[in-house]
Amino acid sequence: MKFVNIHEAKTHLSRLLDEVSRGEEVTIAKAGKPIARLVPVTTSRPTRTPGFLRGKIRMSDDFDAPLPDDIQRSFEGADE
């Protein structure tokens, strides 16, 4: 891991970003005290497995049936 002060980071930002893009980490310090760290961005996405919840989720046959009138009115704000 590379350690640089703020002035050097401002002066050589492009070079530091090139180093970070190659996998190196850079710590930026103010008065010798670490305050930030430049690290490469990871772009890995979780692997999706279609159907992995098959059989674990159940939806009733009347899932999309109309709501009872009293509940529908409360959603519409008519009961206020």
PDB file of N, CA and C in Angstrom:
ATOM      1  N   MET A   1       0.851  -1.169   0.000  1.00  0.00           N
ATOM      2  CA  MET A   1       0.000   0.000   0.000  1.00  0.00           C
ATOM      3  C   MET A   1       0.900   1.236   0.000  1.00  0.00           C
ATOM      4  N   LYS A   2       0.549   2.190  -0.838  1.00  0.00           N
ATOM      5  CA  LYS A   2       1.316   3.421  -0.965  1.00  0.00           C
ATOM      6  C   LYS A   2       0.709   4.480  -0.053  1.00  0.00           C
ATOM      7  N   PHE A   3       1.550   5.333   0.510  1.00  0.00           N
ATOM      8  CA  PHE A   3       1.149   6.368   1.456  1.00  0.00           C
ATOM      9  C   PHE A   3       1.607   7.709   0.887  1.00  0.00           C
ATOM     10  N   VAL A   4       0.657   8.654   0.629  1.00  0.00           N
ATOM     11  CA  VAL A   4       1.023   9.966   0.088  1.00  0.00           C
ATOM     12  C   VAL A   4       0.306  11.064   0.870  1.00  0.00           C
ATOM     13  N   ASN A   5       0.892  12.281   0.842  1.00  0.00           N
ATOM     14  CA  ASN A   5       0.223  13.400   1.498  1.00  0.00           C
ATOM     15  C   ASN A   5      -0.727  14.073   0.515  1.00  0.00           C
ATOM     16  N   ILE A   6      -1.564  14.966   0.996  1.00  0.00           N
ATOM     17  CA  ILE A   6      -2.587  15.599   0.163  1.00  0.00           C
ATOM     18  C   ILE A   6      -1.971  16.353  -1.009  1.00  0.00           C
ATOM     19  N   HIS A   7      -0.911  17.094  -0.758  1.00  0.00           N
ATOM     20  CA  HIS A   7      -0.293  17.874  -1.830  1.00  0.00           C
ATOM     21  C   HIS A   7       0.181  16.961  -2.965  1.00  0.00           C
ATOM     22  N   GLU A   8       0.835  15.870  -2.620  1.00  0.00           N
ATOM     23  CA  GLU A   8       1.297  14.930  -3.646  1.00  0.00           C
ATOM     24  C   GLU A   8       0.111  14.294  -4.373  1.00  0.00           C
ATOM     25  N   ALA A   9      -0.955  13.977  -3.638  1.00  0.00           N
ATOM     26  CA  ALA A   9      -2.138  13.375  -4.261  1.00  0.00           C
ATOM     27  C   ALA A   9      -2.769  14.339  -5.262  1.00  0.00           C
ATOM     28  N   LYS A  10      -2.844  15.629  -4.904  1.00  0.00           N
ATOM     29  CA  LYS A  10      -3.412  16.621  -5.822  1.00  0.00           C
ATOM     30  C   LYS A  10      -2.527  16.797  -7.049  1.00  0.00           C
ATOM     31  N   THR A  11      -1.228  16.791  -6.836  1.00  0.00           N
ATOM     32  CA  THR A  11      -0.284  17.014  -7.925  1.00  0.00           C
ATOM     33  C   THR A  11      -0.219  15.827  -8.882  1.00  0.00           C
ATOM     34  N   HIS A  12      -0.324  14.627  -8.352  1.00  0.00           N
ATOM     35  CA  HIS A  12      -0.120  13.412  -9.150  1.00  0.00           C
ATOM     36  C   HIS A  12      -1.357  12.513  -9.178  1.00  0.00           C
ATOM     37  N   LEU A  13      -2.545  13.106  -9.165  1.00  0.00           N
ATOM     38  CA  LEU A  13      -3.773  12.310  -9.099  1.00  0.00           C
ATOM     39  C   LEU A  13      -3.889  11.324 -10.254  1.00  0.00           C
ATOM     40  N   SER A  14      -3.602  11.753 -11.464  1.00  0.00           N
ATOM     41  CA  SER A  14      -3.720  10.850 -12.614  1.00  0.00           C
ATOM     42  C   SER A  14      -2.807   9.641 -12.465  1.00  0.00           C
ATOM     43  N   ARG A  15      -1.573   9.879 -12.042  1.00  0.00           N
ATOM     44  CA  ARG A  15      -0.626   8.776 -11.864  1.00  0.00           C
ATOM     45  C   ARG A  15      -1.109   7.830 -10.762  1.00  0.00           C
ATOM     46  N   LEU A  16      -1.622   8.400  -9.673  1.00  0.00           N
ATOM     47  CA  LEU A  16      -2.121   7.566  -8.574  1.00  0.00           C
ATOM     48  C   LEU A  16      -3.316   6.728  -9.027  1.00  0.00           C
ATOM     49  N   LEU A  17      -4.198   7.332  -9.828  1.00  0.00           N
ATOM     50  CA  LEU A  17      -5.348   6.581 -10.324  1.00  0.00           C
ATOM     51  C   LEU A  17      -4.918   5.447 -11.249  1.00  0.00           C
ATOM     52  N   ASP A  18      -3.873   5.680 -12.029  1.00  0.00           N
ATOM     53  CA  ASP A  18      -3.338   4.592 -12.867  1.00  0.00           C
ATOM     54  C   ASP A  18      -2.841   3.440 -12.002  1.00  0.00           C
ATOM     55  N   GLU A  19      -2.148   3.771 -10.916  1.00  0.00           N
ATOM     56  CA  GLU A  19      -1.650   2.732 -10.013  1.00  0.00           C
ATOM     57  C   GLU A  19      -2.805   1.971  -9.363  1.00  0.00           C
ATOM     58  N   VAL A  20      -3.829   2.715  -8.964  1.00  0.00           N
ATOM     59  CA  VAL A  20      -4.998   2.087  -8.342  1.00  0.00           C
ATOM     60  C   VAL A  20      -5.703   1.177  -9.341  1.00  0.00           C
ATOM     61  N   SER A  21      -5.782   1.602 -10.602  1.00  0.00           N
ATOM     62  CA  SER A  21      -6.444   0.769 -11.612  1.00  0.00           C
ATOM     63  C   SER A  21      -5.688  -0.530 -11.856  1.00  0.00           C
ATOM     64  N   ARG A  22      -4.418  -0.557 -11.500  1.00  0.00           N
ATOM     65  CA  ARG A  22      -3.632  -1.795 -11.617  1.00  0.00           C
ATOM     66  C   ARG A  22      -3.704  -2.637 -10.344  1.00  0.00           C
ATOM     67  N   GLY A  23      -4.506  -2.202  -9.379  1.00  0.00           N
ATOM     68  CA  GLY A  23      -4.735  -3.018  -8.186  1.00  0.00           C
ATOM     69  C   GLY A  23      -4.080  -2.526  -6.914  1.00  0.00           C
ATOM     70  N   GLU A  24      -3.267  -1.487  -6.994  1.00  0.00           N
ATOM     71  CA  GLU A  24      -2.591  -0.986  -5.793  1.00  0.00           C
ATOM     72  C   GLU A  24      -3.533  -0.089  -4.997  1.00  0.00           C
ATOM     73  N   GLU A  25      -3.381  -0.092  -3.684  1.00  0.00           N
ATOM     74  CA  GLU A  25      -4.152   0.809  -2.832  1.00  0.00           C
ATOM     75  C   GLU A  25      -3.275   1.980  -2.441  1.00  0.00           C
ATOM     76  N   VAL A  26      -3.873   3.182  -2.357  1.00  0.00           N
ATOM     77  CA  VAL A  26      -3.137   4.390  -1.998  1.00  0.00           C
ATOM     78  C   VAL A  26      -3.838   5.040  -0.817  1.00  0.00           C
ATOM     79  N   THR A  27      -3.090   5.310   0.239  1.00  0.00           N
ATOM     80  CA  THR A  27      -3.631   6.008   1.396  1.00  0.00           C
ATOM     81  C   THR A  27      -3.197   7.462   1.323  1.00  0.00           C
ATOM     82  N   ILE A  28      -4.148   8.379   1.498  1.00  0.00           N
ATOM     83  CA  ILE A  28      -3.863   9.801   1.480  1.00  0.00           C
ATOM     84  C   ILE A  28      -3.892  10.311   2.917  1.00  0.00           C
ATOM     85  N   ALA A  29      -2.846  11.074   3.268  1.00  0.00           N
ATOM     86  CA  ALA A  29      -2.708  11.541   4.640  1.00  0.00           C
ATOM     87  C   ALA A  29      -2.662  13.062   4.706  1.00  0.00           C
ATOM     88  N   LYS A  30      -3.092  13.580   5.845  1.00  0.00           N
ATOM     89  CA  LYS A  30      -3.002  15.012   6.127  1.00  0.00           C
ATOM     90  C   LYS A  30      -2.199  15.145   7.413  1.00  0.00           C
ATOM     91  N   ALA A  31      -1.081  15.831   7.314  1.00  0.00           N
ATOM     92  CA  ALA A  31      -0.165  15.993   8.457  1.00  0.00           C
ATOM     93  C   ALA A  31       0.252  14.627   9.011  1.00  0.00           C
ATOM     94  N   GLY A  32       0.467  13.673   8.112  1.00  0.00           N
ATOM     95  CA  GLY A  32       0.933  12.349   8.522  1.00  0.00           C
ATOM     96  C   GLY A  32      -0.152  11.430   9.051  1.00  0.00           C
ATOM     97  N   LYS A  33      -1.387  11.916   9.098  1.00  0.00           N
ATOM     98  CA  LYS A  33      -2.491  11.113   9.630  1.00  0.00           C
ATOM     99  C   LYS A  33      -3.378  10.650   8.466  1.00  0.00           C
ATOM    100  N   PRO A  34      -3.566   9.351   8.272  1.00  0.00           N
ATOM    101  CA  PRO A  34      -4.380   8.848   7.162  1.00  0.00           C
ATOM    102  C   PRO A  34      -5.816   9.370   7.241  1.00  0.00           C
ATOM    103  N   ILE A  35      -6.331   9.872   6.089  1.00  0.00           N
ATOM    104  CA  ILE A  35      -7.699  10.380   6.078  1.00  0.00           C
ATOM    105  C   ILE A  35      -8.552   9.759   4.975  1.00  0.00           C
ATOM    106  N   ALA A  36      -7.912   9.166   3.959  1.00  0.00           N
ATOM    107  CA  ALA A  36      -8.677   8.570   2.864  1.00  0.00           C
ATOM    108  C   ALA A  36      -7.858   7.459   2.229  1.00  0.00           C
ATOM    109  N   ARG A  37      -8.574   6.593   1.507  1.00  0.00           N
ATOM    110  CA  ARG A  37      -7.887   5.497   0.822  1.00  0.00           C
ATOM    111  C   ARG A  37      -8.477   5.356  -0.573  1.00  0.00           C
ATOM    112  N   LEU A  38      -7.616   5.309  -1.578  1.00  0.00           N
ATOM    113  CA  LEU A  38      -8.037   5.039  -2.953  1.00  0.00           C
ATOM    114  C   LEU A  38      -7.886   3.548  -3.192  1.00  0.00           C
ATOM    115  N   VAL A  39      -8.961   2.920  -3.604  1.00  0.00           N
ATOM    116  CA  VAL A  39      -8.936   1.484  -3.888  1.00  0.00           C
ATOM    117  C   VAL A  39      -9.613   1.239  -5.225  1.00  0.00           C
ATOM    118  N   PRO A  40      -9.246   0.162  -5.908  1.00  0.00           N
ATOM    119  CA  PRO A  40      -9.906  -0.138  -7.182  1.00  0.00           C
ATOM    120  C   PRO A  40     -11.386  -0.457  -6.976  1.00  0.00           C
ATOM    121  N   VAL A  41     -12.183  -0.072  -7.946  1.00  0.00           N
ATOM    122  CA  VAL A  41     -13.614  -0.375  -7.909  1.00  0.00           C
ATOM    123  C   VAL A  41     -13.805  -1.806  -8.387  1.00  0.00           C
ATOM    124  N   THR A  42     -14.572  -2.566  -7.634  1.00  0.00           N
ATOM    125  CA  THR A  42     -14.862  -3.935  -8.058  1.00  0.00           C
ATOM    126  C   THR A  42     -16.173  -3.921  -8.829  1.00  0.00           C
ATOM    127  N   THR A  43     -16.213  -4.636  -9.919  1.00  0.00           N
ATOM    128  CA  THR A  43     -17.410  -4.642 -10.750  1.00  0.00           C
ATOM    129  C   THR A  43     -18.060  -6.014 -10.820  1.00  0.00           C
ATOM    130  N   SER A  44     -17.729  -6.861  -9.875  1.00  0.00           N
ATOM    131  CA  SER A  44     -18.325  -8.193  -9.909  1.00  0.00           C
ATOM    132  C   SER A  44     -19.776  -8.125  -9.443  1.00  0.00           C
ATOM    133  N   ARG A  45     -20.617  -8.817 -10.146  1.00  0.00           N
ATOM    134  CA  ARG A  45     -22.030  -8.897  -9.793  1.00  0.00           C
ATOM    135  C   ARG A  45     -22.313 -10.278  -9.225  1.00  0.00           C
ATOM    136  N   PRO A  46     -23.263 -10.345  -8.317  1.00  0.00           N
ATOM    137  CA  PRO A  46     -23.606 -11.672  -7.800  1.00  0.00           C
ATOM    138  C   PRO A  46     -24.185 -12.542  -8.922  1.00  0.00           C
ATOM    139  N   THR A  47     -23.882 -13.803  -8.858  1.00  0.00           N
ATOM    140  CA  THR A  47     -24.391 -14.747  -9.847  1.00  0.00           C
ATOM    141  C   THR A  47     -25.875 -14.981  -9.604  1.00  0.00           C
ATOM    142  N   ARG A  48     -26.665 -14.797 -10.656  1.00  0.00           N
ATOM    143  CA  ARG A  48     -28.107 -15.025 -10.544  1.00  0.00           C
ATOM    144  C   ARG A  48     -28.420 -16.440 -10.999  1.00  0.00           C
ATOM    145  N   THR A  49     -29.251 -17.105 -10.235  1.00  0.00           N
ATOM    146  CA  THR A  49     -29.662 -18.453 -10.570  1.00  0.00           C
ATOM    147  C   THR A  49     -31.171 -18.456 -10.747  1.00  0.00           C
ATOM    148  N   PRO A  50     -31.639 -18.405 -11.989  1.00  0.00           N
ATOM    149  CA  PRO A  50     -33.085 -18.389 -12.210  1.00  0.00           C
ATOM    150  C   PRO A  50     -33.760 -19.609 -11.595  1.00  0.00           C
ATOM    151  N   GLY A  51     -34.859 -19.364 -10.917  1.00  0.00           N
ATOM    152  CA  GLY A  51     -35.646 -20.454 -10.349  1.00  0.00           C
ATOM    153  C   GLY A  51     -35.154 -20.983  -9.018  1.00  0.00           C
ATOM    154  N   PHE A  52     -34.200 -20.300  -8.372  1.00  0.00           N
ATOM    155  CA  PHE A  52     -33.669 -20.876  -7.131  1.00  0.00           C
ATOM    156  C   PHE A  52     -34.682 -20.847  -5.989  1.00  0.00           C
ATOM    157  N   LEU A  53     -35.766 -20.069  -6.108  1.00  0.00           N
ATOM    158  CA  LEU A  53     -36.820 -20.066  -5.088  1.00  0.00           C
ATOM    159  C   LEU A  53     -38.035 -20.896  -5.495  1.00  0.00           C
ATOM    160  N   ARG A  54     -37.899 -21.644  -6.570  1.00  0.00           N
ATOM    161  CA  ARG A  54     -39.013 -22.466  -7.040  1.00  0.00           C
ATOM    162  C   ARG A  54     -39.474 -23.400  -5.914  1.00  0.00           C
ATOM    163  N   GLY A  55     -40.786 -23.388  -5.674  1.00  0.00           N
ATOM    164  CA  GLY A  55     -41.354 -24.244  -4.633  1.00  0.00           C
ATOM    165  C   GLY A  55     -41.319 -23.625  -3.249  1.00  0.00           C
ATOM    166  N   LYS A  56     -40.677 -22.462  -3.086  1.00  0.00           N
ATOM    167  CA  LYS A  56     -40.580 -21.834  -1.771  1.00  0.00           C
ATOM    168  C   LYS A  56     -41.517 -20.636  -1.630  1.00  0.00           C
ATOM    169  N   ILE A  57     -42.036 -20.150  -2.737  1.00  0.00           N
ATOM    170  CA  ILE A  57     -42.958 -19.016  -2.716  1.00  0.00           C
ATOM    171  C   ILE A  57     -44.297 -19.483  -3.245  1.00  0.00           C
ATOM    172  N   ARG A  58     -45.351 -19.119  -2.536  1.00  0.00           N
ATOM    173  CA  ARG A  58     -46.685 -19.537  -2.953  1.00  0.00           C
ATOM    174  C   ARG A  58     -47.551 -18.301  -3.114  1.00  0.00           C
ATOM    175  N   MET A  59     -48.327 -18.262  -4.173  1.00  0.00           N
ATOM    176  CA  MET A  59     -49.243 -17.162  -4.419  1.00  0.00           C
ATOM    177  C   MET A  59     -50.644 -17.750  -4.558  1.00  0.00           C
ATOM    178  N   SER A  60     -51.597 -17.156  -3.845  1.00  0.00           N
ATOM    179  CA  SER A  60     -52.953 -17.704  -3.889  1.00  0.00           C
ATOM    180  C   SER A  60     -53.575 -17.494  -5.268  1.00  0.00           C
ATOM    181  N   ASP A  61     -54.539 -18.340  -5.586  1.00  0.00           N
ATOM    182  CA  ASP A  61     -55.194 -18.271  -6.891  1.00  0.00           C
ATOM    183  C   ASP A  61     -55.933 -16.950  -7.105  1.00  0.00           C
ATOM    184  N   ASP A  62     -56.416 -16.326  -6.017  1.00  0.00           N
ATOM    185  CA  ASP A  62     -57.161 -15.080  -6.157  1.00  0.00           C
ATOM    186  C   ASP A  62     -56.285 -13.844  -5.883  1.00  0.00           C
ATOM    187  N   PHE A  63     -54.994 -13.972  -6.105  1.00  0.00           N
ATOM    188  CA  PHE A  63     -54.042 -12.893  -5.839  1.00  0.00           C
ATOM    189  C   PHE A  63     -54.469 -11.575  -6.493  1.00  0.00           C
ATOM    190  N   ASP A  64     -54.901 -11.621  -7.727  1.00  0.00           N
ATOM    191  CA  ASP A  64     -55.245 -10.392  -8.443  1.00  0.00           C
ATOM    192  C   ASP A  64     -56.753 -10.123  -8.498  1.00  0.00           C
ATOM    193  N   ALA A  65     -57.497 -10.750  -7.608  1.00  0.00           N
ATOM    194  CA  ALA A  65     -58.945 -10.513  -7.539  1.00  0.00           C
ATOM    195  C   ALA A  65     -59.201  -9.105  -7.000  1.00  0.00           C
ATOM    196  N   PRO A  66     -60.320  -8.500  -7.363  1.00  0.00           N
ATOM    197  CA  PRO A  66     -60.649  -7.154  -6.850  1.00  0.00           C
ATOM    198  C   PRO A  66     -60.738  -7.158  -5.330  1.00  0.00           C
ATOM    199  N   LEU A  67     -60.366  -6.039  -4.726  1.00  0.00           N
ATOM    200  CA  LEU A  67     -60.447  -5.903  -3.270  1.00  0.00           C
ATOM    201  C   LEU A  67     -61.899  -5.722  -2.846  1.00  0.00           C
ATOM    202  N   PRO A  68     -62.230  -6.098  -1.611  1.00  0.00           N
ATOM    203  CA  PRO A  68     -63.562  -5.796  -1.097  1.00  0.00           C
ATOM    204  C   PRO A  68     -63.781  -4.278  -1.116  1.00  0.00           C
ATOM    205  N   ASP A  69     -65.027  -3.861  -1.283  1.00  0.00           N
ATOM    206  CA  ASP A  69     -65.344  -2.437  -1.434  1.00  0.00           C
ATOM    207  C   ASP A  69     -64.822  -1.579  -0.287  1.00  0.00           C
ATOM    208  N   ASP A  70     -64.971  -2.040   0.975  1.00  0.00           N
ATOM    209  CA  ASP A  70     -64.537  -1.223   2.110  1.00  0.00           C
ATOM    210  C   ASP A  70     -63.021  -0.996   2.110  1.00  0.00           C
ATOM    211  N   ILE A  71     -62.256  -2.000   1.739  1.00  0.00           N
ATOM    212  CA  ILE A  71     -60.793  -1.860   1.679  1.00  0.00           C
ATOM    213  C   ILE A  71     -60.407  -0.961   0.506  1.00  0.00           C
ATOM    214  N   GLN A  72     -61.061  -1.119  -0.620  1.00  0.00           N
ATOM    215  CA  GLN A  72     -60.775  -0.278  -1.788  1.00  0.00           C
ATOM    216  C   GLN A  72     -61.025   1.191  -1.460  1.00  0.00           C
ATOM    217  N   ARG A  73     -62.132   1.467  -0.748  1.00  0.00           N
ATOM    218  CA  ARG A  73     -62.449   2.860  -0.379  1.00  0.00           C
ATOM    219  C   ARG A  73     -61.380   3.440   0.550  1.00  0.00           C
ATOM    220  N   SER A  74     -60.853   2.613   1.475  1.00  0.00           N
ATOM    221  CA  SER A  74     -59.833   3.131   2.392  1.00  0.00           C
ATOM    222  C   SER A  74     -58.534   3.458   1.658  1.00  0.00           C
ATOM    223  N   PHE A  75     -58.225   2.702   0.605  1.00  0.00           N
ATOM    224  CA  PHE A  75     -57.048   3.025  -0.213  1.00  0.00           C
ATOM    225  C   PHE A  75     -57.266   4.328  -0.974  1.00  0.00           C
ATOM    226  N   GLU A  76     -58.472   4.574  -1.372  1.00  0.00           N
ATOM    227  CA  GLU A  76     -58.787   5.765  -2.152  1.00  0.00           C
ATOM    228  C   GLU A  76     -59.011   6.993  -1.264  1.00  0.00           C
ATOM    229  N   GLY A  77     -59.011   6.789   0.065  1.00  0.00           N
ATOM    230  CA  GLY A  77     -59.193   7.900   0.984  1.00  0.00           C
ATOM    231  C   GLY A  77     -60.629   8.308   1.168  1.00  0.00           C
ATOM    232  N   ALA A  78     -61.569   7.485   0.801  1.00  0.00           N
ATOM    233  CA  ALA A  78     -62.988   7.827   0.898  1.00  0.00           C
ATOM    234  C   ALA A  78     -63.516   7.681   2.321  1.00  0.00           C
ATOM    235  N   ASP A  79     -62.800   6.990   3.218  1.00  0.00           N
ATOM    236  CA  ASP A  79     -63.283   6.762   4.582  1.00  0.00           C
ATOM    237  C   ASP A  79     -62.861   7.872   5.537  1.00  0.00           C
ATOM    238  N   GLU A  80     -62.222   8.907   5.051  1.00  0.00           N
ATOM    239  CA  GLU A  80     -61.716   9.960   5.946  1.00  0.00           C
ATOM    240  C   GLU A  80     -62.768  10.961   6.295  1.00  0.00           C
TER     241      GLU A  80
END
